Amino acid sequence: MSAVITNESYALSVHKRVGTVAFGMLSGEIGFIEGAIELASLRHEAAVEENDPDFMAFVVIASETDSLPIGTSRELWSKEALAKHQPEIDAAIVWAKKVGLAACQSLAGRFYT
C-alpha cells in the first residue's frame, strides 16, 4: 500500500527542506548562493506569505546572481571562463551573505527541526 501525500504533509516536507537548506548554509555545508537559489525556488511551496521577508532576501540573491556559473551549471563552463568569472563569484558570495545572513538565520529558526 502506498502512502498518500496530503497538502499538509507536503508543506511539512517543504518546511523541513527549507530548514535543512538554511542550516546547511549557516554551517557551510551548502554554498550560500546555491542555497539561496533553492530557498527562492521553495518560496511558493512553503505555504508562507507571498512577500515573506525571509524568502524575499533569497529571491533577490537568486535574481542578482543568475548569470553566474553557480552549482551544477559550472560543469558546462570552460576552465578559462570559470577562472575569468571567479572574482565576480567571490564578490557575489560576500554580498549574498551580507544580504541574506539574517534571513537565513530566521528561516533556520523557523523551520529547522
PDB file of N, CA and C in Angstrom:
ATOM      1  N   MET A   1       0.847  -1.179   0.000  1.00  0.00           N
ATOM      2  CA  MET A   1       0.000   0.000   0.000  1.00  0.00           C
ATOM      3  C   MET A   1       0.889   1.238   0.000  1.00  0.00           C
ATOM      4  N   SER A   2       0.609   2.169  -0.867  1.00  0.00           N
ATOM      5  CA  SER A   2       1.427   3.378  -0.949  1.00  0.00           C
ATOM      6  C   SER A   2       0.884   4.452  -0.014  1.00  0.00           C
ATOM      7  N   ALA A   3       1.788   5.311   0.417  1.00  0.00           N
ATOM      8  CA  ALA A   3       1.408   6.403   1.315  1.00  0.00           C
ATOM      9  C   ALA A   3       0.749   7.516   0.514  1.00  0.00           C
ATOM     10  N   VAL A   4      -0.214   8.146   1.115  1.00  0.00           N
ATOM     11  CA  VAL A   4      -0.892   9.274   0.487  1.00  0.00           C
ATOM     12  C   VAL A   4      -0.264  10.553   1.025  1.00  0.00           C
ATOM     13  N   ILE A   5       0.145  11.418   0.113  1.00  0.00           N
ATOM     14  CA  ILE A   5       0.727  12.698   0.493  1.00  0.00           C
ATOM     15  C   ILE A   5      -0.395  13.735   0.520  1.00  0.00           C
ATOM     16  N   THR A   6      -0.620  14.333   1.653  1.00  0.00           N
ATOM     17  CA  THR A   6      -1.623  15.387   1.759  1.00  0.00           C
ATOM     18  C   THR A   6      -0.944  16.736   1.598  1.00  0.00           C
ATOM     19  N   ASN A   7      -1.754  17.770   1.400  1.00  0.00           N
ATOM     20  CA  ASN A   7      -1.184  19.115   1.314  1.00  0.00           C
ATOM     21  C   ASN A   7      -0.406  19.447   2.575  1.00  0.00           C
ATOM     22  N   GLU A   8      -0.951  19.052   3.726  1.00  0.00           N
ATOM     23  CA  GLU A   8      -0.284  19.342   4.993  1.00  0.00           C
ATOM     24  C   GLU A   8       1.045  18.601   5.105  1.00  0.00           C
ATOM     25  N   SER A   9       1.061  17.327   4.725  1.00  0.00           N
ATOM     26  CA  SER A   9       2.317  16.585   4.830  1.00  0.00           C
ATOM     27  C   SER A   9       3.334  17.094   3.812  1.00  0.00           C
ATOM     28  N   TYR A  10       2.853  17.517   2.636  1.00  0.00           N
ATOM     29  CA  TYR A  10       3.772  18.082   1.652  1.00  0.00           C
ATOM     30  C   TYR A  10       4.364  19.394   2.166  1.00  0.00           C
ATOM     31  N   ALA A  11       3.518  20.253   2.727  1.00  0.00           N
ATOM     32  CA  ALA A  11       4.007  21.525   3.272  1.00  0.00           C
ATOM     33  C   ALA A  11       5.024  21.275   4.378  1.00  0.00           C
ATOM     34  N   LEU A  12       4.779  20.281   5.216  1.00  0.00           N
ATOM     35  CA  LEU A  12       5.737  19.951   6.273  1.00  0.00           C
ATOM     36  C   LEU A  12       7.063  19.474   5.693  1.00  0.00           C
ATOM     37  N   SER A  13       7.012  18.704   4.603  1.00  0.00           N
ATOM     38  CA  SER A  13       8.259  18.246   3.984  1.00  0.00           C
ATOM     39  C   SER A  13       9.020  19.418   3.368  1.00  0.00           C
ATOM     40  N   VAL A  14       8.295  20.380   2.806  1.00  0.00           N
ATOM     41  CA  VAL A  14       8.942  21.575   2.259  1.00  0.00           C
ATOM     42  C   VAL A  14       9.543  22.397   3.392  1.00  0.00           C
ATOM     43  N   HIS A  15       8.818  22.555   4.483  1.00  0.00           N
ATOM     44  CA  HIS A  15       9.348  23.291   5.643  1.00  0.00           C
ATOM     45  C   HIS A  15      10.626  22.634   6.152  1.00  0.00           C
ATOM     46  N   LYS A  16      10.628  21.314   6.194  1.00  0.00           N
ATOM     47  CA  LYS A  16      11.828  20.598   6.644  1.00  0.00           C
ATOM     48  C   LYS A  16      12.994  20.875   5.699  1.00  0.00           C
ATOM     49  N   ARG A  17      12.727  20.859   4.396  1.00  0.00           N
ATOM     50  CA  ARG A  17      13.791  21.131   3.424  1.00  0.00           C
ATOM     51  C   ARG A  17      14.294  22.559   3.574  1.00  0.00           C
ATOM     52  N   VAL A  18      13.403  23.519   3.762  1.00  0.00           N
ATOM     53  CA  VAL A  18      13.806  24.916   3.970  1.00  0.00           C
ATOM     54  C   VAL A  18      14.733  25.007   5.174  1.00  0.00           C
ATOM     55  N   GLY A  19      14.346  24.395   6.279  1.00  0.00           N
ATOM     56  CA  GLY A  19      15.174  24.422   7.478  1.00  0.00           C
ATOM     57  C   GLY A  19      16.519  23.764   7.271  1.00  0.00           C
ATOM     58  N   THR A  20      16.531  22.645   6.571  1.00  0.00           N
ATOM     59  CA  THR A  20      17.780  21.926   6.306  1.00  0.00           C
ATOM     60  C   THR A  20      18.712  22.750   5.429  1.00  0.00           C
ATOM     61  N   VAL A  21      18.164  23.370   4.387  1.00  0.00           N
ATOM     62  CA  VAL A  21      18.985  24.204   3.499  1.00  0.00           C
ATOM     63  C   VAL A  21      19.531  25.405   4.259  1.00  0.00           C
ATOM     64  N   ALA A  22      18.683  26.087   5.005  1.00  0.00           N
ATOM     65  CA  ALA A  22      19.137  27.266   5.757  1.00  0.00           C
ATOM     66  C   ALA A  22      20.219  26.881   6.761  1.00  0.00           C
ATOM     67  N   PHE A  23      20.016  25.790   7.480  1.00  0.00           N
ATOM     68  CA  PHE A  23      21.019  25.339   8.442  1.00  0.00           C
ATOM     69  C   PHE A  23      22.315  24.967   7.724  1.00  0.00           C
ATOM     70  N   GLY A  24      22.205  24.300   6.583  1.00  0.00           N
ATOM     71  CA  GLY A  24      23.383  23.933   5.803  1.00  0.00           C
ATOM     72  C   GLY A  24      24.150  25.141   5.298  1.00  0.00           C
ATOM     73  N   MET A  25      23.438  26.188   4.940  1.00  0.00           N
ATOM     74  CA  MET A  25      24.091  27.426   4.509  1.00  0.00           C
ATOM     75  C   MET A  25      24.859  28.048   5.665  1.00  0.00           C
ATOM     76  N   LEU A  26      24.245  28.046   6.842  1.00  0.00           N
ATOM     77  CA  LEU A  26      24.895  28.639   8.018  1.00  0.00           C
ATOM     78  C   LEU A  26      26.114  27.837   8.457  1.00  0.00           C
ATOM     79  N   SER A  27      26.050  26.519   8.289  1.00  0.00           N
ATOM     80  CA  SER A  27      27.166  25.666   8.708  1.00  0.00           C
ATOM     81  C   SER A  27      28.251  25.559   7.643  1.00  0.00           C
ATOM     82  N   GLY A  28      27.967  26.032   6.433  1.00  0.00           N
ATOM     83  CA  GLY A  28      28.932  25.953   5.343  1.00  0.00           C
ATOM     84  C   GLY A  28      28.838  24.677   4.528  1.00  0.00           C
ATOM     85  N   GLU A  29      27.900  23.798   4.854  1.00  0.00           N
ATOM     86  CA  GLU A  29      27.734  22.560   4.092  1.00  0.00           C
ATOM     87  C   GLU A  29      27.109  22.807   2.724  1.00  0.00           C
ATOM     88  N   ILE A  30      26.344  23.877   2.615  1.00  0.00           N
ATOM     89  CA  ILE A  30      25.706  24.257   1.351  1.00  0.00           C
ATOM     90  C   ILE A  30      26.203  25.646   0.997  1.00  0.00           C
ATOM     91  N   GLY A  31      26.648  25.814  -0.239  1.00  0.00           N
ATOM     92  CA  GLY A  31      27.103  27.124  -0.691  1.00  0.00           C
ATOM     93  C   GLY A  31      26.004  28.158  -0.527  1.00  0.00           C
ATOM     94  N   PHE A  32      26.382  29.381  -0.165  1.00  0.00           N
ATOM     95  CA  PHE A  32      25.368  30.385   0.158  1.00  0.00           C
ATOM     96  C   PHE A  32      24.506  30.736  -1.049  1.00  0.00           C
ATOM     97  N   ILE A  33      25.106  30.882  -2.206  1.00  0.00           N
ATOM     98  CA  ILE A  33      24.298  31.233  -3.380  1.00  0.00           C
ATOM     99  C   ILE A  33      23.476  30.033  -3.840  1.00  0.00           C
ATOM    100  N   GLU A  34      24.068  28.839  -3.820  1.00  0.00           N
ATOM    101  CA  GLU A  34      23.315  27.646  -4.191  1.00  0.00           C
ATOM    102  C   GLU A  34      22.101  27.480  -3.280  1.00  0.00           C
ATOM    103  N   GLY A  35      22.308  27.675  -1.984  1.00  0.00           N
ATOM    104  CA  GLY A  35      21.207  27.581  -1.035  1.00  0.00           C
ATOM    105  C   GLY A  35      20.168  28.657  -1.260  1.00  0.00           C
ATOM    106  N   ALA A  36      20.625  29.870  -1.564  1.00  0.00           N
ATOM    107  CA  ALA A  36      19.692  30.970  -1.820  1.00  0.00           C
ATOM    108  C   ALA A  36      18.802  30.656  -3.013  1.00  0.00           C
ATOM    109  N   ILE A  37      19.380  30.077  -4.046  1.00  0.00           N
ATOM    110  CA  ILE A  37      18.607  29.717  -5.234  1.00  0.00           C
ATOM    111  C   ILE A  37      17.550  28.675  -4.874  1.00  0.00           C
ATOM    112  N   GLU A  38      17.941  27.679  -4.083  1.00  0.00           N
ATOM    113  CA  GLU A  38      16.969  26.653  -3.692  1.00  0.00           C
ATOM    114  C   GLU A  38      15.872  27.242  -2.800  1.00  0.00           C
ATOM    115  N   LEU A  39      16.255  28.082  -1.847  1.00  0.00           N
ATOM    116  CA  LEU A  39      15.246  28.690  -0.972  1.00  0.00           C
ATOM    117  C   LEU A  39      14.273  29.557  -1.765  1.00  0.00           C
ATOM    118  N   ALA A  40      14.785  30.308  -2.725  1.00  0.00           N
ATOM    119  CA  ALA A  40      13.902  31.126  -3.567  1.00  0.00           C
ATOM    120  C   ALA A  40      12.919  30.239  -4.324  1.00  0.00           C
ATOM    121  N   SER A  41      13.391  29.089  -4.795  1.00  0.00           N
ATOM    122  CA  SER A  41      12.512  28.196  -5.551  1.00  0.00           C
ATOM    123  C   SER A  41      11.479  27.503  -4.664  1.00  0.00           C
ATOM    124  N   LEU A  42      11.748  27.396  -3.371  1.00  0.00           N
ATOM    125  CA  LEU A  42      10.814  26.748  -2.444  1.00  0.00           C
ATOM    126  C   LEU A  42       9.773  27.710  -1.870  1.00  0.00           C
ATOM    127  N   ARG A  43       9.925  28.980  -2.135  1.00  0.00           N
ATOM    128  CA  ARG A  43       9.068  30.005  -1.520  1.00  0.00           C
ATOM    129  C   ARG A  43       7.583  29.728  -1.713  1.00  0.00           C
ATOM    130  N   HIS A  44       7.157  29.440  -2.915  1.00  0.00           N
ATOM    131  CA  HIS A  44       5.727  29.247  -3.171  1.00  0.00           C
ATOM    132  C   HIS A  44       5.209  27.931  -2.600  1.00  0.00           C
ATOM    133  N   GLU A  45       6.076  26.953  -2.487  1.00  0.00           N
ATOM    134  CA  GLU A  45       5.659  25.656  -1.958  1.00  0.00           C
ATOM    135  C   GLU A  45       5.654  25.617  -0.435  1.00  0.00           C
ATOM    136  N   ALA A  46       6.254  26.603   0.201  1.00  0.00           N
ATOM    137  CA  ALA A  46       6.398  26.594   1.657  1.00  0.00           C
ATOM    138  C   ALA A  46       5.157  27.101   2.384  1.00  0.00           C
ATOM    139  N   ALA A  47       4.144  27.496   1.657  1.00  0.00           N
ATOM    140  CA  ALA A  47       2.891  27.975   2.244  1.00  0.00           C
ATOM    141  C   ALA A  47       3.129  29.129   3.214  1.00  0.00           C
ATOM    142  N   VAL A  48       3.891  30.118   2.737  1.00  0.00           N
ATOM    143  CA  VAL A  48       4.145  31.334   3.515  1.00  0.00           C
ATOM    144  C   VAL A  48       3.544  32.514   2.750  1.00  0.00           C
ATOM    145  N   GLU A  49       3.503  33.665   3.384  1.00  0.00           N
ATOM    146  CA  GLU A  49       3.007  34.867   2.717  1.00  0.00           C
ATOM    147  C   GLU A  49       3.828  35.142   1.454  1.00  0.00           C
ATOM    148  N   GLU A  50       3.168  35.663   0.443  1.00  0.00           N
ATOM    149  CA  GLU A  50       3.820  35.948  -0.845  1.00  0.00           C
ATOM    150  C   GLU A  50       5.091  36.775  -0.684  1.00  0.00           C
ATOM    151  N   ASN A  51       5.053  37.772   0.176  1.00  0.00           N
ATOM    152  CA  ASN A  51       6.205  38.663   0.355  1.00  0.00           C
ATOM    153  C   ASN A  51       6.919  38.431   1.677  1.00  0.00           C
ATOM    154  N   ASP A  52       6.974  37.181   2.110  1.00  0.00           N
ATOM    155  CA  ASP A  52       7.683  36.847   3.344  1.00  0.00           C
ATOM    156  C   ASP A  52       9.103  37.409   3.248  1.00  0.00           C
ATOM    157  N   PRO A  53       9.498  38.310   4.149  1.00  0.00           N
ATOM    158  CA  PRO A  53      10.797  38.981   4.020  1.00  0.00           C
ATOM    159  C   PRO A  53      11.992  38.034   4.061  1.00  0.00           C
ATOM    160  N   ASP A  54      11.872  36.937   4.794  1.00  0.00           N
ATOM    161  CA  ASP A  54      12.989  35.993   4.827  1.00  0.00           C
ATOM    162  C   ASP A  54      13.206  35.364   3.456  1.00  0.00           C
ATOM    163  N   PHE A  55      12.122  34.944   2.818  1.00  0.00           N
ATOM    164  CA  PHE A  55      12.252  34.344   1.494  1.00  0.00           C
ATOM    165  C   PHE A  55      12.608  35.385   0.439  1.00  0.00           C
ATOM    166  N   MET A  56      12.088  36.600   0.570  1.00  0.00           N
ATOM    167  CA  MET A  56      12.359  37.633  -0.432  1.00  0.00           C
ATOM    168  C   MET A  56      13.845  37.960  -0.521  1.00  0.00           C
ATOM    169  N   ALA A  57      14.561  37.864   0.585  1.00  0.00           N
ATOM    170  CA  ALA A  57      16.012  38.091   0.539  1.00  0.00           C
ATOM    171  C   ALA A  57      16.663  37.120  -0.438  1.00  0.00           C
ATOM    172  N   PHE A  58      16.188  35.887  -0.473  1.00  0.00           N
ATOM    173  CA  PHE A  58      16.782  34.882  -1.350  1.00  0.00           C
ATOM    174  C   PHE A  58      16.298  35.002  -2.782  1.00  0.00           C
ATOM    175  N   VAL A  59      15.110  35.554  -2.977  1.00  0.00           N
ATOM    176  CA  VAL A  59      14.647  35.867  -4.329  1.00  0.00           C
ATOM    177  C   VAL A  59      15.570  36.925  -4.938  1.00  0.00           C
ATOM    178  N   VAL A  60      15.922  37.936  -4.152  1.00  0.00           N
ATOM    179  CA  VAL A  60      16.838  38.986  -4.614  1.00  0.00           C
ATOM    180  C   VAL A  60      18.202  38.387  -4.946  1.00  0.00           C
ATOM    181  N   ILE A  61      18.735  37.565  -4.056  1.00  0.00           N
ATOM    182  CA  ILE A  61      20.054  36.963  -4.282  1.00  0.00           C
ATOM    183  C   ILE A  61      20.031  36.100  -5.536  1.00  0.00           C
ATOM    184  N   ALA A  62      19.020  35.257  -5.685  1.00  0.00           N
ATOM    185  CA  ALA A  62      18.928  34.391  -6.861  1.00  0.00           C
ATOM    186  C   ALA A  62      18.847  35.216  -8.139  1.00  0.00           C
ATOM    187  N   SER A  63      18.066  36.282  -8.111  1.00  0.00           N
ATOM    188  CA  SER A  63      17.911  37.133  -9.287  1.00  0.00           C
ATOM    189  C   SER A  63      19.216  37.835  -9.660  1.00  0.00           C
ATOM    190  N   GLU A  64      19.913  38.341  -8.665  1.00  0.00           N
ATOM    191  CA  GLU A  64      21.140  39.098  -8.923  1.00  0.00           C
ATOM    192  C   GLU A  64      22.325  38.217  -9.316  1.00  0.00           C
ATOM    193  N   THR A  65      22.244  36.923  -9.078  1.00  0.00           N
ATOM    194  CA  THR A  65      23.377  36.039  -9.371  1.00  0.00           C
ATOM    195  C   THR A  65      23.065  35.021 -10.459  1.00  0.00           C
ATOM    196  N   ASP A  66      21.912  35.154 -11.117  1.00  0.00           N
ATOM    197  CA  ASP A  66      21.516  34.117 -12.065  1.00  0.00           C
ATOM    198  C   ASP A  66      22.383  34.031 -13.315  1.00  0.00           C
ATOM    199  N   SER A  67      23.199  35.012 -13.572  1.00  0.00           N
ATOM    200  CA  SER A  67      24.084  34.954 -14.742  1.00  0.00           C
ATOM    201  C   SER A  67      25.435  34.314 -14.421  1.00  0.00           C
ATOM    202  N   LEU A  68      25.674  34.015 -13.162  1.00  0.00           N
ATOM    203  CA  LEU A  68      26.966  33.458 -12.753  1.00  0.00           C
ATOM    204  C   LEU A  68      26.953  31.933 -12.817  1.00  0.00           C
ATOM    205  N   PRO A  69      28.110  31.341 -13.120  1.00  0.00           N
ATOM    206  CA  PRO A  69      28.197  29.876 -13.112  1.00  0.00           C
ATOM    207  C   PRO A  69      28.238  29.358 -11.673  1.00  0.00           C
ATOM    208  N   ILE A  70      27.089  28.982 -11.169  1.00  0.00           N
ATOM    209  CA  ILE A  70      26.929  28.538  -9.786  1.00  0.00           C
ATOM    210  C   ILE A  70      26.373  27.117  -9.800  1.00  0.00           C
ATOM    211  N   GLY A  71      26.830  26.294  -8.873  1.00  0.00           N
ATOM    212  CA  GLY A  71      26.293  24.943  -8.734  1.00  0.00           C
ATOM    213  C   GLY A  71      26.616  24.061  -9.922  1.00  0.00           C
ATOM    214  N   THR A  72      25.646  23.251 -10.327  1.00  0.00           N
ATOM    215  CA  THR A  72      25.880  22.276 -11.393  1.00  0.00           C
ATOM    216  C   THR A  72      26.120  22.926 -12.749  1.00  0.00           C
ATOM    217  N   SER A  73      25.687  24.161 -12.949  1.00  0.00           N
ATOM    218  CA  SER A  73      25.923  24.821 -14.241  1.00  0.00           C
ATOM    219  C   SER A  73      27.410  25.054 -14.490  1.00  0.00           C
ATOM    220  N   ARG A  74      28.220  25.020 -13.430  1.00  0.00           N
ATOM    221  CA  ARG A  74      29.666  25.188 -13.591  1.00  0.00           C
ATOM    222  C   ARG A  74      30.250  24.126 -14.518  1.00  0.00           C
ATOM    223  N   GLU A  75      29.645  22.945 -14.516  1.00  0.00           N
ATOM    224  CA  GLU A  75      30.128  21.847 -15.352  1.00  0.00           C
ATOM    225  C   GLU A  75      30.048  22.187 -16.837  1.00  0.00           C
ATOM    226  N   LEU A  76      29.208  23.118 -17.194  1.00  0.00           N
ATOM    227  CA  LEU A  76      29.006  23.486 -18.594  1.00  0.00           C
ATOM    228  C   LEU A  76      29.943  24.599 -19.059  1.00  0.00           C
ATOM    229  N   TRP A  77      30.709  25.161 -18.146  1.00  0.00           N
ATOM    230  CA  TRP A  77      31.602  26.274 -18.456  1.00  0.00           C
ATOM    231  C   TRP A  77      33.031  25.770 -18.615  1.00  0.00           C
ATOM    232  N   SER A  78      33.791  26.448 -19.467  1.00  0.00           N
ATOM    233  CA  SER A  78      35.206  26.101 -19.633  1.00  0.00           C
ATOM    234  C   SER A  78      35.994  26.558 -18.412  1.00  0.00           C
ATOM    235  N   LYS A  79      37.151  25.950 -18.220  1.00  0.00           N
ATOM    236  CA  LYS A  79      38.018  26.340 -17.100  1.00  0.00           C
ATOM    237  C   LYS A  79      38.429  27.802 -17.217  1.00  0.00           C
ATOM    238  N   GLU A  80      38.664  28.252 -18.433  1.00  0.00           N
ATOM    239  CA  GLU A  80      39.068  29.639 -18.649  1.00  0.00           C
ATOM    240  C   GLU A  80      37.950  30.607 -18.259  1.00  0.00           C
ATOM    241  N   ALA A  81      36.736  30.281 -18.664  1.00  0.00           N
ATOM    242  CA  ALA A  81      35.602  31.149 -18.331  1.00  0.00           C
ATOM    243  C   ALA A  81      35.347  31.156 -16.827  1.00  0.00           C
ATOM    244  N   LEU A  82      35.475  29.993 -16.195  1.00  0.00           N
ATOM    245  CA  LEU A  82      35.296  29.931 -14.740  1.00  0.00           C
ATOM    246  C   LEU A  82      36.342  30.777 -14.029  1.00  0.00           C
ATOM    247  N   ALA A  83      37.585  30.678 -14.488  1.00  0.00           N
ATOM    248  CA  ALA A  83      38.659  31.467 -13.873  1.00  0.00           C
ATOM    249  C   ALA A  83      38.398  32.963 -14.056  1.00  0.00           C
ATOM    250  N   LYS A  84      37.905  33.334 -15.227  1.00  0.00           N
ATOM    251  CA  LYS A  84      37.618  34.741 -15.506  1.00  0.00           C
ATOM    252  C   LYS A  84      36.516  35.277 -14.584  1.00  0.00           C
ATOM    253  N   HIS A  85      35.506  34.458 -14.318  1.00  0.00           N
ATOM    254  CA  HIS A  85      34.361  34.895 -13.517  1.00  0.00           C
ATOM    255  C   HIS A  85      34.538  34.674 -12.018  1.00  0.00           C
ATOM    256  N   GLN A  86      35.600  33.974 -11.610  1.00  0.00           N
ATOM    257  CA  GLN A  86      35.744  33.645 -10.190  1.00  0.00           C
ATOM    258  C   GLN A  86      35.784  34.871  -9.274  1.00  0.00           C
ATOM    259  N   PRO A  87      36.496  35.957  -9.643  1.00  0.00           N
ATOM    260  CA  PRO A  87      36.447  37.134  -8.761  1.00  0.00           C
ATOM    261  C   PRO A  87      35.027  37.689  -8.586  1.00  0.00           C
ATOM    262  N   GLU A  88      34.251  37.676  -9.649  1.00  0.00           N
ATOM    263  CA  GLU A  88      32.868  38.142  -9.570  1.00  0.00           C
ATOM    264  C   GLU A  88      32.028  37.206  -8.689  1.00  0.00           C
ATOM    265  N   ILE A  89      32.271  35.911  -8.805  1.00  0.00           N
ATOM    266  CA  ILE A  89      31.563  34.932  -7.973  1.00  0.00           C
ATOM    267  C   ILE A  89      31.925  35.131  -6.508  1.00  0.00           C
ATOM    268  N   ASP A  90      33.211  35.300  -6.233  1.00  0.00           N
ATOM    269  CA  ASP A  90      33.659  35.511  -4.850  1.00  0.00           C
ATOM    270  C   ASP A  90      33.015  36.757  -4.247  1.00  0.00           C
ATOM    271  N   ALA A  91      32.964  37.830  -5.032  1.00  0.00           N
ATOM    272  CA  ALA A  91      32.335  39.070  -4.554  1.00  0.00           C
ATOM    273  C   ALA A  91      30.834  38.866  -4.344  1.00  0.00           C
ATOM    274  N   ALA A  92      30.209  38.104  -5.227  1.00  0.00           N
ATOM    275  CA  ALA A  92      28.770  37.845  -5.101  1.00  0.00           C
ATOM    276  C   ALA A  92      28.466  37.037  -3.842  1.00  0.00           C
ATOM    277  N   ILE A  93      29.337  36.109  -3.495  1.00  0.00           N
ATOM    278  CA  ILE A  93      29.135  35.314  -2.281  1.00  0.00           C
ATOM    279  C   ILE A  93      29.207  36.207  -1.049  1.00  0.00           C
ATOM    280  N   VAL A  94      30.192  37.092  -1.012  1.00  0.00           N
ATOM    281  CA  VAL A  94      30.318  38.024   0.122  1.00  0.00           C
ATOM    282  C   VAL A  94      29.065  38.894   0.212  1.00  0.00           C
ATOM    283  N   TRP A  95      28.634  39.440  -0.921  1.00  0.00           N
ATOM    284  CA  TRP A  95      27.427  40.273  -0.955  1.00  0.00           C
ATOM    285  C   TRP A  95      26.200  39.479  -0.512  1.00  0.00           C
ATOM    286  N   ALA A  96      26.051  38.252  -1.036  1.00  0.00           N
ATOM    287  CA  ALA A  96      24.882  37.432  -0.711  1.00  0.00           C
ATOM    288  C   ALA A  96      24.809  37.139   0.783  1.00  0.00           C
ATOM    289  N   LYS A  97      25.946  36.897   1.392  1.00  0.00           N
ATOM    290  CA  LYS A  97      25.951  36.635   2.836  1.00  0.00           C
ATOM    291  C   LYS A  97      25.523  37.873   3.616  1.00  0.00           C
ATOM    292  N   LYS A  98      25.953  39.048   3.164  1.00  0.00           N
ATOM    293  CA  LYS A  98      25.529  40.287   3.835  1.00  0.00           C
ATOM    294  C   LYS A  98      24.024  40.488   3.702  1.00  0.00           C
ATOM    295  N   VAL A  99      23.510  40.242   2.515  1.00  0.00           N
ATOM    296  CA  VAL A  99      22.089  40.447   2.244  1.00  0.00           C
ATOM    297  C   VAL A  99      21.229  39.379   2.923  1.00  0.00           C
ATOM    298  N   GLY A 100      21.722  38.150   2.969  1.00  0.00           N
ATOM    299  CA  GLY A 100      20.867  37.044   3.378  1.00  0.00           C
ATOM    300  C   GLY A 100      21.135  36.394   4.715  1.00  0.00           C
ATOM    301  N   LEU A 101      22.180  36.792   5.427  1.00  0.00           N
ATOM    302  CA  LEU A 101      22.530  36.085   6.662  1.00  0.00           C
ATOM    303  C   LEU A 101      21.401  36.115   7.694  1.00  0.00           C
ATOM    304  N   ALA A 102      20.850  37.284   7.972  1.00  0.00           N
ATOM    305  CA  ALA A 102      19.782  37.377   8.979  1.00  0.00           C
ATOM    306  C   ALA A 102      18.554  36.576   8.548  1.00  0.00           C
ATOM    307  N   ALA A 103      18.207  36.628   7.269  1.00  0.00           N
ATOM    308  CA  ALA A 103      17.064  35.864   6.766  1.00  0.00           C
ATOM    309  C   ALA A 103      17.338  34.369   6.862  1.00  0.00           C
ATOM    310  N   CYS A 104      18.567  33.976   6.606  1.00  0.00           N
ATOM    311  CA  CYS A 104      18.949  32.570   6.703  1.00  0.00           C
ATOM    312  C   CYS A 104      18.822  32.085   8.150  1.00  0.00           C
ATOM    313  N   GLN A 105      19.303  32.888   9.071  1.00  0.00           N
ATOM    314  CA  GLN A 105      19.180  32.544  10.489  1.00  0.00           C
ATOM    315  C   GLN A 105      17.708  32.444  10.884  1.00  0.00           C
ATOM    316  N   SER A 106      16.898  33.349  10.384  1.00  0.00           N
ATOM    317  CA  SER A 106      15.473  33.335  10.694  1.00  0.00           C
ATOM    318  C   SER A 106      14.796  32.083  10.144  1.00  0.00           C
ATOM    319  N   LEU A 107      15.086  31.729   8.888  1.00  0.00           N
ATOM    320  CA  LEU A 107      14.479  30.532   8.304  1.00  0.00           C
ATOM    321  C   LEU A 107      14.927  29.277   9.034  1.00  0.00           C
ATOM    322  N   ALA A 108      16.191  29.218   9.406  1.00  0.00           N
ATOM    323  CA  ALA A 108      16.673  28.062  10.171  1.00  0.00           C
ATOM    324  C   ALA A 108      15.919  27.973  11.496  1.00  0.00           C
ATOM    325  N   GLY A 109      15.715  29.106  12.144  1.00  0.00           N
ATOM    326  CA  GLY A 109      14.977  29.122  13.402  1.00  0.00           C
ATOM    327  C   GLY A 109      13.516  28.741  13.242  1.00  0.00           C
ATOM    328  N   ARG A 110      12.929  29.152  12.139  1.00  0.00           N
ATOM    329  CA  ARG A 110      11.511  28.872  11.898  1.00  0.00           C
ATOM    330  C   ARG A 110      11.256  27.431  11.468  1.00  0.00           C
ATOM    331  N   PHE A 111      12.177  26.863  10.676  1.00  0.00           N
ATOM    332  CA  PHE A 111      11.865  25.602  10.009  1.00  0.00           C
ATOM    333  C   PHE A 111      12.808  24.439  10.302  1.00  0.00           C
ATOM    334  N   TYR A 112      13.955  24.676  10.913  1.00  0.00           N
ATOM    335  CA  TYR A 112      14.884  23.562  11.153  1.00  0.00           C
ATOM    336  C   TYR A 112      14.403  22.730  12.333  1.00  0.00           C
ATOM    337  N   THR A 113      14.308  21.428  12.119  1.00  0.00           N
ATOM    338  CA  THR A 113      13.880  20.531  13.204  1.00  0.00           C
ATOM    339  C   THR A 113      14.908  19.456  13.458  1.00  0.00           C
TER     340      THR A 113
END
